Amino acid sequence: MTTTYLELQVLSTGQTSRLAEMFRLLGEPNRLSLVYACLEEPQSVQTLAADIDISMSLASHHLRLLRAARLLRAERRGKQVFYVAADAHVQRVLRDMVEHSAQE
């Protein structure tokens, strides 16, 4: 018997905790905006801070947390660090949630 996409598996306590932490991090509007801004292409800390109108130090703090949660990954280019969505899973989840929130 093959497993289908619709079949759910029981999550371990560790998985539940990690997943809850990721959603908690995304529950803060600035952090959610930062991840969303990084879905398509790498963005510098300066650009991200300016785009969502927060200080660079606050943006850096949020980005550090998001990177630790494996929602974003960092790429160093010279002295600058650029952030991008960690993988297609993060992109898909956020895009799906944006689409879902737009439905009536």
PDB file of N, CA and C in Angstrom:
ATOM      1  N   MET A   1       0.849  -1.177   0.000  1.00  0.00           N
ATOM      2  CA  MET A   1       0.000   0.000   0.000  1.00  0.00           C
ATOM      3  C   MET A   1       0.891   1.235   0.000  1.00  0.00           C
ATOM      4  N   THR A   2       0.590   2.193  -0.857  1.00  0.00           N
ATOM      5  CA  THR A   2       1.385   3.401  -0.924  1.00  0.00           C
ATOM      6  C   THR A   2       0.764   4.504  -0.078  1.00  0.00           C
ATOM      7  N   THR A   3       1.616   5.377   0.412  1.00  0.00           N
ATOM      8  CA  THR A   3       1.164   6.507   1.216  1.00  0.00           C
ATOM      9  C   THR A   3       0.782   7.640   0.283  1.00  0.00           C
ATOM     10  N   THR A   4      -0.399   8.192   0.493  1.00  0.00           N
ATOM     11  CA  THR A   4      -0.820   9.326  -0.327  1.00  0.00           C
ATOM     12  C   THR A   4      -0.565  10.617   0.430  1.00  0.00           C
ATOM     13  N   TYR A   5      -0.631  11.712  -0.326  1.00  0.00           N
ATOM     14  CA  TYR A   5      -0.408  13.036   0.260  1.00  0.00           C
ATOM     15  C   TYR A   5      -1.402  13.331   1.369  1.00  0.00           C
ATOM     16  N   LEU A   6      -2.607  12.803   1.258  1.00  0.00           N
ATOM     17  CA  LEU A   6      -3.659  13.126   2.214  1.00  0.00           C
ATOM     18  C   LEU A   6      -3.539  12.361   3.523  1.00  0.00           C
ATOM     19  N   GLU A   7      -2.760  11.296   3.533  1.00  0.00           N
ATOM     20  CA  GLU A   7      -2.592  10.544   4.767  1.00  0.00           C
ATOM     21  C   GLU A   7      -1.701  11.339   5.719  1.00  0.00           C
ATOM     22  N   LEU A   8      -2.140  11.461   6.946  1.00  0.00           N
ATOM     23  CA  LEU A   8      -1.373  12.192   7.946  1.00  0.00           C
ATOM     24  C   LEU A   8      -0.628  11.225   8.842  1.00  0.00           C
ATOM     25  N   GLN A   9       0.513  11.658   9.267  1.00  0.00           N
ATOM     26  CA  GLN A   9       1.266  10.842  10.207  1.00  0.00           C
ATOM     27  C   GLN A   9       1.271  11.543  11.561  1.00  0.00           C
ATOM     28  N   VAL A  10       1.438  10.786  12.585  1.00  0.00           N
ATOM     29  CA  VAL A  10       1.505  11.345  13.929  1.00  0.00           C
ATOM     30  C   VAL A  10       2.860  12.025  14.086  1.00  0.00           C
ATOM     31  N   LEU A  11       2.832  13.250  14.588  1.00  0.00           N
ATOM     32  CA  LEU A  11       4.072  13.986  14.793  1.00  0.00           C
ATOM     33  C   LEU A  11       4.667  13.633  16.148  1.00  0.00           C
ATOM     34  N   SER A  12       5.985  13.542  16.178  1.00  0.00           N
ATOM     35  CA  SER A  12       6.651  13.315  17.453  1.00  0.00           C
ATOM     36  C   SER A  12       6.610  14.612  18.261  1.00  0.00           C
ATOM     37  N   THR A  13       6.906  14.517  19.530  1.00  0.00           N
ATOM     38  CA  THR A  13       6.945  15.703  20.379  1.00  0.00           C
ATOM     39  C   THR A  13       7.967  16.701  19.858  1.00  0.00           C
ATOM     40  N   GLY A  14       9.114  16.209  19.416  1.00  0.00           N
ATOM     41  CA  GLY A  14      10.147  17.086  18.872  1.00  0.00           C
ATOM     42  C   GLY A  14       9.693  17.801  17.609  1.00  0.00           C
ATOM     43  N   GLN A  15       9.021  17.064  16.708  1.00  0.00           N
ATOM     44  CA  GLN A  15       8.516  17.674  15.479  1.00  0.00           C
ATOM     45  C   GLN A  15       7.466  18.736  15.794  1.00  0.00           C
ATOM     46  N   THR A  16       6.578  18.428  16.718  1.00  0.00           N
ATOM     47  CA  THR A  16       5.535  19.373  17.105  1.00  0.00           C
ATOM     48  C   THR A  16       6.154  20.644  17.671  1.00  0.00           C
ATOM     49  N   SER A  17       7.164  20.493  18.500  1.00  0.00           N
ATOM     50  CA  SER A  17       7.819  21.655  19.104  1.00  0.00           C
ATOM     51  C   SER A  17       8.516  22.508  18.055  1.00  0.00           C
ATOM     52  N   ARG A  18       9.244  21.876  17.116  1.00  0.00           N
ATOM     53  CA  ARG A  18       9.936  22.629  16.064  1.00  0.00           C
ATOM     54  C   ARG A  18       8.940  23.349  15.154  1.00  0.00           C
ATOM     55  N   LEU A  19       7.873  22.679  14.806  1.00  0.00           N
ATOM     56  CA  LEU A  19       6.859  23.277  13.946  1.00  0.00           C
ATOM     57  C   LEU A  19       6.172  24.448  14.643  1.00  0.00           C
ATOM     58  N   ALA A  20       5.831  24.278  15.908  1.00  0.00           N
ATOM     59  CA  ALA A  20       5.207  25.362  16.673  1.00  0.00           C
ATOM     60  C   ALA A  20       6.141  26.561  16.780  1.00  0.00           C
ATOM     61  N   GLU A  21       7.431  26.315  16.943  1.00  0.00           N
ATOM     62  CA  GLU A  21       8.406  27.407  17.025  1.00  0.00           C
ATOM     63  C   GLU A  21       8.485  28.157  15.703  1.00  0.00           C
ATOM     64  N   MET A  22       8.461  27.440  14.586  1.00  0.00           N
ATOM     65  CA  MET A  22       8.490  28.104  13.280  1.00  0.00           C
ATOM     66  C   MET A  22       7.260  28.996  13.099  1.00  0.00           C
ATOM     67  N   PHE A  23       6.095  28.479  13.450  1.00  0.00           N
ATOM     68  CA  PHE A  23       4.879  29.277  13.324  1.00  0.00           C
ATOM     69  C   PHE A  23       4.874  30.449  14.307  1.00  0.00           C
ATOM     70  N   ARG A  24       5.448  30.259  15.481  1.00  0.00           N
ATOM     71  CA  ARG A  24       5.544  31.364  16.444  1.00  0.00           C
ATOM     72  C   ARG A  24       6.411  32.481  15.866  1.00  0.00           C
ATOM     73  N   LEU A  25       7.533  32.108  15.266  1.00  0.00           N
ATOM     74  CA  LEU A  25       8.411  33.106  14.662  1.00  0.00           C
ATOM     75  C   LEU A  25       7.705  33.856  13.530  1.00  0.00           C
ATOM     76  N   LEU A  26       6.952  33.137  12.726  1.00  0.00           N
ATOM     77  CA  LEU A  26       6.235  33.763  11.617  1.00  0.00           C
ATOM     78  C   LEU A  26       5.020  34.558  12.081  1.00  0.00           C
ATOM     79  N   GLY A  27       4.632  34.394  13.336  1.00  0.00           N
ATOM     80  CA  GLY A  27       3.488  35.122  13.880  1.00  0.00           C
ATOM     81  C   GLY A  27       3.787  36.579  14.185  1.00  0.00           C
ATOM     82  N   GLU A  28       5.040  36.971  14.133  1.00  0.00           N
ATOM     83  CA  GLU A  28       5.421  38.367  14.379  1.00  0.00           C
ATOM     84  C   GLU A  28       5.454  39.066  13.017  1.00  0.00           C
ATOM     85  N   PRO A  29       4.695  40.160  12.834  1.00  0.00           N
ATOM     86  CA  PRO A  29       4.563  40.790  11.514  1.00  0.00           C
ATOM     87  C   PRO A  29       5.873  41.173  10.829  1.00  0.00           C
ATOM     88  N   ASN A  30       6.847  41.699  11.553  1.00  0.00           N
ATOM     89  CA  ASN A  30       8.120  42.051  10.918  1.00  0.00           C
ATOM     90  C   ASN A  30       8.841  40.816  10.390  1.00  0.00           C
ATOM     91  N   ARG A  31       8.845  39.748  11.171  1.00  0.00           N
ATOM     92  CA  ARG A  31       9.520  38.528  10.724  1.00  0.00           C
ATOM     93  C   ARG A  31       8.811  37.923   9.522  1.00  0.00           C
ATOM     94  N   LEU A  32       7.487  37.917   9.548  1.00  0.00           N
ATOM     95  CA  LEU A  32       6.729  37.401   8.411  1.00  0.00           C
ATOM     96  C   LEU A  32       7.039  38.228   7.158  1.00  0.00           C
ATOM     97  N   SER A  33       7.094  39.542   7.301  1.00  0.00           N
ATOM     98  CA  SER A  33       7.421  40.419   6.169  1.00  0.00           C
ATOM     99  C   SER A  33       8.822  40.141   5.648  1.00  0.00           C
ATOM    100  N   LEU A  34       9.764  39.892   6.532  1.00  0.00           N
ATOM    101  CA  LEU A  34      11.135  39.599   6.112  1.00  0.00           C
ATOM    102  C   LEU A  34      11.197  38.306   5.305  1.00  0.00           C
ATOM    103  N   VAL A  35      10.558  37.259   5.791  1.00  0.00           N
ATOM    104  CA  VAL A  35      10.582  35.988   5.062  1.00  0.00           C
ATOM    105  C   VAL A  35       9.899  36.152   3.710  1.00  0.00           C
ATOM    106  N   TYR A  36       8.760  36.821   3.697  1.00  0.00           N
ATOM    107  CA  TYR A  36       8.033  37.012   2.443  1.00  0.00           C
ATOM    108  C   TYR A  36       8.873  37.791   1.434  1.00  0.00           C
ATOM    109  N   ALA A  37       9.605  38.784   1.890  1.00  0.00           N
ATOM    110  CA  ALA A  37      10.448  39.590   1.003  1.00  0.00           C
ATOM    111  C   ALA A  37      11.598  38.774   0.419  1.00  0.00           C
ATOM    112  N   CYS A  38      11.932  37.667   1.051  1.00  0.00           N
ATOM    113  CA  CYS A  38      13.063  36.840   0.613  1.00  0.00           C
ATOM    114  C   CYS A  38      12.642  35.627  -0.213  1.00  0.00           C
ATOM    115  N   LEU A  39      11.386  35.549  -0.598  1.00  0.00           N
ATOM    116  CA  LEU A  39      10.918  34.357  -1.308  1.00  0.00           C
ATOM    117  C   LEU A  39      11.515  34.206  -2.704  1.00  0.00           C
ATOM    118  N   GLU A  40      11.660  35.298  -3.426  1.00  0.00           N
ATOM    119  CA  GLU A  40      12.057  35.214  -4.829  1.00  0.00           C
ATOM    120  C   GLU A  40      13.562  35.247  -5.055  1.00  0.00           C
ATOM    121  N   GLU A  41      14.239  36.151  -4.363  1.00  0.00           N
ATOM    122  CA  GLU A  41      15.676  36.303  -4.598  1.00  0.00           C
ATOM    123  C   GLU A  41      16.344  36.826  -3.334  1.00  0.00           C
ATOM    124  N   PRO A  42      17.645  36.604  -3.210  1.00  0.00           N
ATOM    125  CA  PRO A  42      18.358  37.085  -2.019  1.00  0.00           C
ATOM    126  C   PRO A  42      18.240  38.594  -1.861  1.00  0.00           C
ATOM    127  N   GLN A  43      18.068  39.021  -0.612  1.00  0.00           N
ATOM    128  CA  GLN A  43      17.922  40.432  -0.274  1.00  0.00           C
ATOM    129  C   GLN A  43      18.954  40.794   0.789  1.00  0.00           C
ATOM    130  N   SER A  44      19.529  41.982   0.677  1.00  0.00           N
ATOM    131  CA  SER A  44      20.488  42.438   1.681  1.00  0.00           C
ATOM    132  C   SER A  44      19.748  42.920   2.926  1.00  0.00           C
ATOM    133  N   VAL A  45      20.450  42.933   4.035  1.00  0.00           N
ATOM    134  CA  VAL A  45      19.871  43.418   5.282  1.00  0.00           C
ATOM    135  C   VAL A  45      19.414  44.867   5.112  1.00  0.00           C
ATOM    136  N   GLN A  46      20.221  45.675   4.439  1.00  0.00           N
ATOM    137  CA  GLN A  46      19.878  47.077   4.234  1.00  0.00           C
ATOM    138  C   GLN A  46      18.572  47.224   3.457  1.00  0.00           C
ATOM    139  N   THR A  47      18.438  46.473   2.388  1.00  0.00           N
ATOM    140  CA  THR A  47      17.224  46.529   1.572  1.00  0.00           C
ATOM    141  C   THR A  47      16.018  46.070   2.370  1.00  0.00           C
ATOM    142  N   LEU A  48      16.167  44.979   3.087  1.00  0.00           N
ATOM    143  CA  LEU A  48      15.054  44.444   3.875  1.00  0.00           C
ATOM    144  C   LEU A  48      14.614  45.435   4.947  1.00  0.00           C
ATOM    145  N   ALA A  49      15.564  46.009   5.661  1.00  0.00           N
ATOM    146  CA  ALA A  49      15.235  46.969   6.718  1.00  0.00           C
ATOM    147  C   ALA A  49      14.494  48.170   6.136  1.00  0.00           C
ATOM    148  N   ALA A  50      14.966  48.668   5.006  1.00  0.00           N
ATOM    149  CA  ALA A  50      14.323  49.827   4.374  1.00  0.00           C
ATOM    150  C   ALA A  50      12.926  49.470   3.863  1.00  0.00           C
ATOM    151  N   ASP A  51      12.794  48.294   3.262  1.00  0.00           N
ATOM    152  CA  ASP A  51      11.510  47.894   2.681  1.00  0.00           C
ATOM    153  C   ASP A  51      10.406  47.740   3.715  1.00  0.00           C
ATOM    154  N   ILE A  52      10.762  47.238   4.907  1.00  0.00           N
ATOM    155  CA  ILE A  52       9.708  47.067   5.914  1.00  0.00           C
ATOM    156  C   ILE A  52       9.776  48.119   7.008  1.00  0.00           C
ATOM    157  N   ASP A  53      10.653  49.107   6.811  1.00  0.00           N
ATOM    158  CA  ASP A  53      10.736  50.277   7.682  1.00  0.00           C
ATOM    159  C   ASP A  53      11.062  49.934   9.139  1.00  0.00           C
ATOM    160  N   ILE A  54      12.157  49.175   9.299  1.00  0.00           N
ATOM    161  CA  ILE A  54      12.689  48.902  10.636  1.00  0.00           C
ATOM    162  C   ILE A  54      14.184  49.182  10.600  1.00  0.00           C
ATOM    163  N   SER A  55      14.784  49.282  11.773  1.00  0.00           N
ATOM    164  CA  SER A  55      16.223  49.545  11.837  1.00  0.00           C
ATOM    165  C   SER A  55      17.003  48.318  11.357  1.00  0.00           C
ATOM    166  N   MET A  56      18.233  48.562  10.925  1.00  0.00           N
ATOM    167  CA  MET A  56      19.072  47.442  10.489  1.00  0.00           C
ATOM    168  C   MET A  56      19.378  46.497  11.638  1.00  0.00           C
ATOM    169  N   SER A  57      19.537  47.037  12.843  1.00  0.00           N
ATOM    170  CA  SER A  57      19.841  46.162  13.977  1.00  0.00           C
ATOM    171  C   SER A  57      18.634  45.270  14.304  1.00  0.00           C
ATOM    172  N   LEU A  58      17.424  45.812  14.222  1.00  0.00           N
ATOM    173  CA  LEU A  58      16.235  44.987  14.470  1.00  0.00           C
ATOM    174  C   LEU A  58      16.064  43.962  13.356  1.00  0.00           C
ATOM    175  N   ALA A  59      16.294  44.370  12.108  1.00  0.00           N
ATOM    176  CA  ALA A  59      16.211  43.429  10.987  1.00  0.00           C
ATOM    177  C   ALA A  59      17.222  42.297  11.178  1.00  0.00           C
ATOM    178  N   SER A  60      18.437  42.645  11.554  1.00  0.00           N
ATOM    179  CA  SER A  60      19.478  41.628  11.776  1.00  0.00           C
ATOM    180  C   SER A  60      19.086  40.659  12.877  1.00  0.00           C
ATOM    181  N   HIS A  61      18.499  41.178  13.943  1.00  0.00           N
ATOM    182  CA  HIS A  61      18.052  40.328  15.044  1.00  0.00           C
ATOM    183  C   HIS A  61      16.999  39.327  14.548  1.00  0.00           C
ATOM    184  N   HIS A  62      15.993  39.829  13.846  1.00  0.00           N
ATOM    185  CA  HIS A  62      14.938  38.952  13.315  1.00  0.00           C
ATOM    186  C   HIS A  62      15.516  37.942  12.325  1.00  0.00           C
ATOM    187  N   LEU A  63      16.401  38.393  11.448  1.00  0.00           N
ATOM    188  CA  LEU A  63      16.982  37.505  10.444  1.00  0.00           C
ATOM    189  C   LEU A  63      17.797  36.393  11.085  1.00  0.00           C
ATOM    190  N   ARG A  64      18.491  36.710  12.158  1.00  0.00           N
ATOM    191  CA  ARG A  64      19.264  35.691  12.884  1.00  0.00           C
ATOM    192  C   ARG A  64      18.331  34.598  13.417  1.00  0.00           C
ATOM    193  N   LEU A  65      17.191  34.998  13.987  1.00  0.00           N
ATOM    194  CA  LEU A  65      16.223  34.028  14.501  1.00  0.00           C
ATOM    195  C   LEU A  65      15.636  33.175  13.375  1.00  0.00           C
ATOM    196  N   LEU A  66      15.314  33.812  12.268  1.00  0.00           N
ATOM    197  CA  LEU A  66      14.720  33.101  11.126  1.00  0.00           C
ATOM    198  C   LEU A  66      15.719  32.133  10.497  1.00  0.00           C
ATOM    199  N   ARG A  67      16.977  32.519  10.484  1.00  0.00           N
ATOM    200  CA  ARG A  67      18.012  31.621   9.969  1.00  0.00           C
ATOM    201  C   ARG A  67      18.202  30.429  10.904  1.00  0.00           C
ATOM    202  N   ALA A  68      18.191  30.682  12.191  1.00  0.00           N
ATOM    203  CA  ALA A  68      18.352  29.588  13.166  1.00  0.00           C
ATOM    204  C   ALA A  68      17.207  28.586  13.067  1.00  0.00           C
ATOM    205  N   ALA A  69      16.026  29.064  12.679  1.00  0.00           N
ATOM    206  CA  ALA A  69      14.862  28.188  12.530  1.00  0.00           C
ATOM    207  C   ALA A  69      14.820  27.529  11.149  1.00  0.00           C
ATOM    208  N   ARG A  70      15.815  27.784  10.329  1.00  0.00           N
ATOM    209  CA  ARG A  70      15.936  27.234   8.987  1.00  0.00           C
ATOM    210  C   ARG A  70      14.814  27.688   8.051  1.00  0.00           C
ATOM    211  N   LEU A  71      14.287  28.888   8.302  1.00  0.00           N
ATOM    212  CA  LEU A  71      13.298  29.475   7.402  1.00  0.00           C
ATOM    213  C   LEU A  71      13.990  30.308   6.321  1.00  0.00           C
ATOM    214  N   LEU A  72      15.152  30.850   6.659  1.00  0.00           N
ATOM    215  CA  LEU A  72      15.969  31.607   5.716  1.00  0.00           C
ATOM    216  C   LEU A  72      17.381  31.046   5.733  1.00  0.00           C
ATOM    217  N   ARG A  73      18.104  31.294   4.655  1.00  0.00           N
ATOM    218  CA  ARG A  73      19.525  30.979   4.650  1.00  0.00           C
ATOM    219  C   ARG A  73      20.276  32.228   4.225  1.00  0.00           C
ATOM    220  N   ALA A  74      21.500  32.324   4.671  1.00  0.00           N
ATOM    221  CA  ALA A  74      22.316  33.511   4.420  1.00  0.00           C
ATOM    222  C   ALA A  74      23.393  33.204   3.394  1.00  0.00           C
ATOM    223  N   GLU A  75      23.663  34.201   2.551  1.00  0.00           N
ATOM    224  CA  GLU A  75      24.739  34.113   1.569  1.00  0.00           C
ATOM    225  C   GLU A  75      25.614  35.352   1.727  1.00  0.00           C
ATOM    226  N   ARG A  76      26.889  35.145   1.976  1.00  0.00           N
ATOM    227  CA  ARG A  76      27.803  36.284   2.125  1.00  0.00           C
ATOM    228  C   ARG A  76      28.375  36.642   0.764  1.00  0.00           C
ATOM    229  N   ARG A  77      28.314  37.940   0.462  1.00  0.00           N
ATOM    230  CA  ARG A  77      28.916  38.486  -0.760  1.00  0.00           C
ATOM    231  C   ARG A  77      29.769  39.667  -0.345  1.00  0.00           C
ATOM    232  N   GLY A  78      31.059  39.405  -0.240  1.00  0.00           N
ATOM    233  CA  GLY A  78      31.953  40.437   0.265  1.00  0.00           C
ATOM    234  C   GLY A  78      31.616  40.737   1.708  1.00  0.00           C
ATOM    235  N   LYS A  79      31.349  42.006   2.002  1.00  0.00           N
ATOM    236  CA  LYS A  79      31.013  42.399   3.375  1.00  0.00           C
ATOM    237  C   LYS A  79      29.529  42.314   3.668  1.00  0.00           C
ATOM    238  N   GLN A  80      28.713  42.127   2.633  1.00  0.00           N
ATOM    239  CA  GLN A  80      27.268  42.090   2.827  1.00  0.00           C
ATOM    240  C   GLN A  80      26.751  40.670   2.948  1.00  0.00           C
ATOM    241  N   VAL A  81      25.661  40.525   3.706  1.00  0.00           N
ATOM    242  CA  VAL A  81      24.982  39.248   3.841  1.00  0.00           C
ATOM    243  C   VAL A  81      23.617  39.394   3.192  1.00  0.00           C
ATOM    244  N   PHE A  82      23.266  38.418   2.367  1.00  0.00           N
ATOM    245  CA  PHE A  82      21.978  38.388   1.693  1.00  0.00           C
ATOM    246  C   PHE A  82      21.185  37.199   2.215  1.00  0.00           C
ATOM    247  N   TYR A  83      19.898  37.395   2.352  1.00  0.00           N
ATOM    248  CA  TYR A  83      19.018  36.349   2.873  1.00  0.00           C
ATOM    249  C   TYR A  83      18.014  35.938   1.815  1.00  0.00           C
ATOM    250  N   VAL A  84      17.716  34.632   1.792  1.00  0.00           N
ATOM    251  CA  VAL A  84      16.763  34.072   0.839  1.00  0.00           C
ATOM    252  C   VAL A  84      16.021  32.933   1.552  1.00  0.00           C
ATOM    253  N   ALA A  85      14.809  32.627   1.074  1.00  0.00           N
ATOM    254  CA  ALA A  85      14.037  31.523   1.656  1.00  0.00           C
ATOM    255  C   ALA A  85      14.888  30.259   1.652  1.00  0.00           C
ATOM    256  N   ALA A  86      14.802  29.509   2.720  1.00  0.00           N
ATOM    257  CA  ALA A  86      15.671  28.341   2.898  1.00  0.00           C
ATOM    258  C   ALA A  86      15.481  27.290   1.815  1.00  0.00           C
ATOM    259  N   ASP A  87      14.239  27.105   1.366  1.00  0.00           N
ATOM    260  CA  ASP A  87      13.980  26.087   0.346  1.00  0.00           C
ATOM    261  C   ASP A  87      12.575  26.259  -0.223  1.00  0.00           C
ATOM    262  N   ALA A  88      12.235  25.371  -1.137  1.00  0.00           N
ATOM    263  CA  ALA A  88      10.929  25.436  -1.799  1.00  0.00           C
ATOM    264  C   ALA A  88       9.778  25.202  -0.823  1.00  0.00           C
ATOM    265  N   HIS A  89      10.019  24.465   0.253  1.00  0.00           N
ATOM    266  CA  HIS A  89       8.953  24.230   1.236  1.00  0.00           C
ATOM    267  C   HIS A  89       8.503  25.538   1.877  1.00  0.00           C
ATOM    268  N   VAL A  90       9.457  26.348   2.284  1.00  0.00           N
ATOM    269  CA  VAL A  90       9.138  27.641   2.902  1.00  0.00           C
ATOM    270  C   VAL A  90       8.394  28.511   1.894  1.00  0.00           C
ATOM    271  N   GLN A  91       8.871  28.542   0.671  1.00  0.00           N
ATOM    272  CA  GLN A  91       8.206  29.336  -0.367  1.00  0.00           C
ATOM    273  C   GLN A  91       6.764  28.872  -0.565  1.00  0.00           C
ATOM    274  N   ARG A  92       6.576  27.575  -0.672  1.00  0.00           N
ATOM    275  CA  ARG A  92       5.245  27.009  -0.924  1.00  0.00           C
ATOM    276  C   ARG A  92       4.284  27.295   0.221  1.00  0.00           C
ATOM    277  N   VAL A  93       4.733  27.115   1.451  1.00  0.00           N
ATOM    278  CA  VAL A  93       3.868  27.356   2.609  1.00  0.00           C
ATOM    279  C   VAL A  93       3.413  28.806   2.639  1.00  0.00           C
ATOM    280  N   LEU A  94       4.335  29.732   2.479  1.00  0.00           N
ATOM    281  CA  LEU A  94       3.956  31.147   2.534  1.00  0.00           C
ATOM    282  C   LEU A  94       3.062  31.544   1.370  1.00  0.00           C
ATOM    283  N   ARG A  95       3.394  31.098   0.183  1.00  0.00           N
ATOM    284  CA  ARG A  95       2.551  31.425  -0.975  1.00  0.00           C
ATOM    285  C   ARG A  95       1.147  30.857  -0.796  1.00  0.00           C
ATOM    286  N   ASP A  96       1.065  29.624  -0.317  1.00  0.00           N
ATOM    287  CA  ASP A  96      -0.251  29.011  -0.089  1.00  0.00           C
ATOM    288  C   ASP A  96      -1.044  29.770   0.963  1.00  0.00           C
ATOM    289  N   MET A  97      -0.383  30.207   2.019  1.00  0.00           N
ATOM    290  CA  MET A  97      -1.087  30.941   3.078  1.00  0.00           C
ATOM    291  C   MET A  97      -1.538  32.316   2.592  1.00  0.00           C
ATOM    292  N   VAL A  98      -0.736  32.982   1.765  1.00  0.00           N
ATOM    293  CA  VAL A  98      -1.138  34.267   1.191  1.00  0.00           C
ATOM    294  C   VAL A  98      -2.370  34.062   0.313  1.00  0.00           C
ATOM    295  N   GLU A  99      -2.325  33.024  -0.519  1.00  0.00           N
ATOM    296  CA  GLU A  99      -3.485  32.718  -1.377  1.00  0.00           C
ATOM    297  C   GLU A  99      -4.718  32.385  -0.535  1.00  0.00           C
ATOM    298  N   HIS A 100      -4.519  31.592   0.497  1.00  0.00           N
ATOM    299  CA  HIS A 100      -5.628  31.212   1.383  1.00  0.00           C
ATOM    300  C   HIS A 100      -6.231  32.447   2.066  1.00  0.00           C
ATOM    301  N   SER A 101      -5.401  33.355   2.526  1.00  0.00           N
ATOM    302  CA  SER A 101      -5.894  34.541   3.227  1.00  0.00           C
ATOM    303  C   SER A 101      -6.646  35.489   2.297  1.00  0.00           C
ATOM    304  N   ALA A 102      -6.370  35.404   0.997  1.00  0.00           N
ATOM    305  CA  ALA A 102      -7.043  36.267   0.019  1.00  0.00           C
ATOM    306  C   ALA A 102      -8.429  35.753  -0.359  1.00  0.00           C
ATOM    307  N   GLN A 103      -8.697  34.489  -0.047  1.00  0.00           N
ATOM    308  CA  GLN A 103     -10.013  33.916  -0.368  1.00  0.00           C
ATOM    309  C   GLN A 103     -11.049  34.382   0.625  1.00  0.00           C
ATOM    310  N   GLU A 104     -12.257  34.517   0.142  1.00  0.00           N
ATOM    311  CA  GLU A 104     -13.352  34.943   1.037  1.00  0.00           C
ATOM    312  C   GLU A 104     -14.083  33.761   1.593  1.00  0.00           C
TER     313      GLU A 104
END
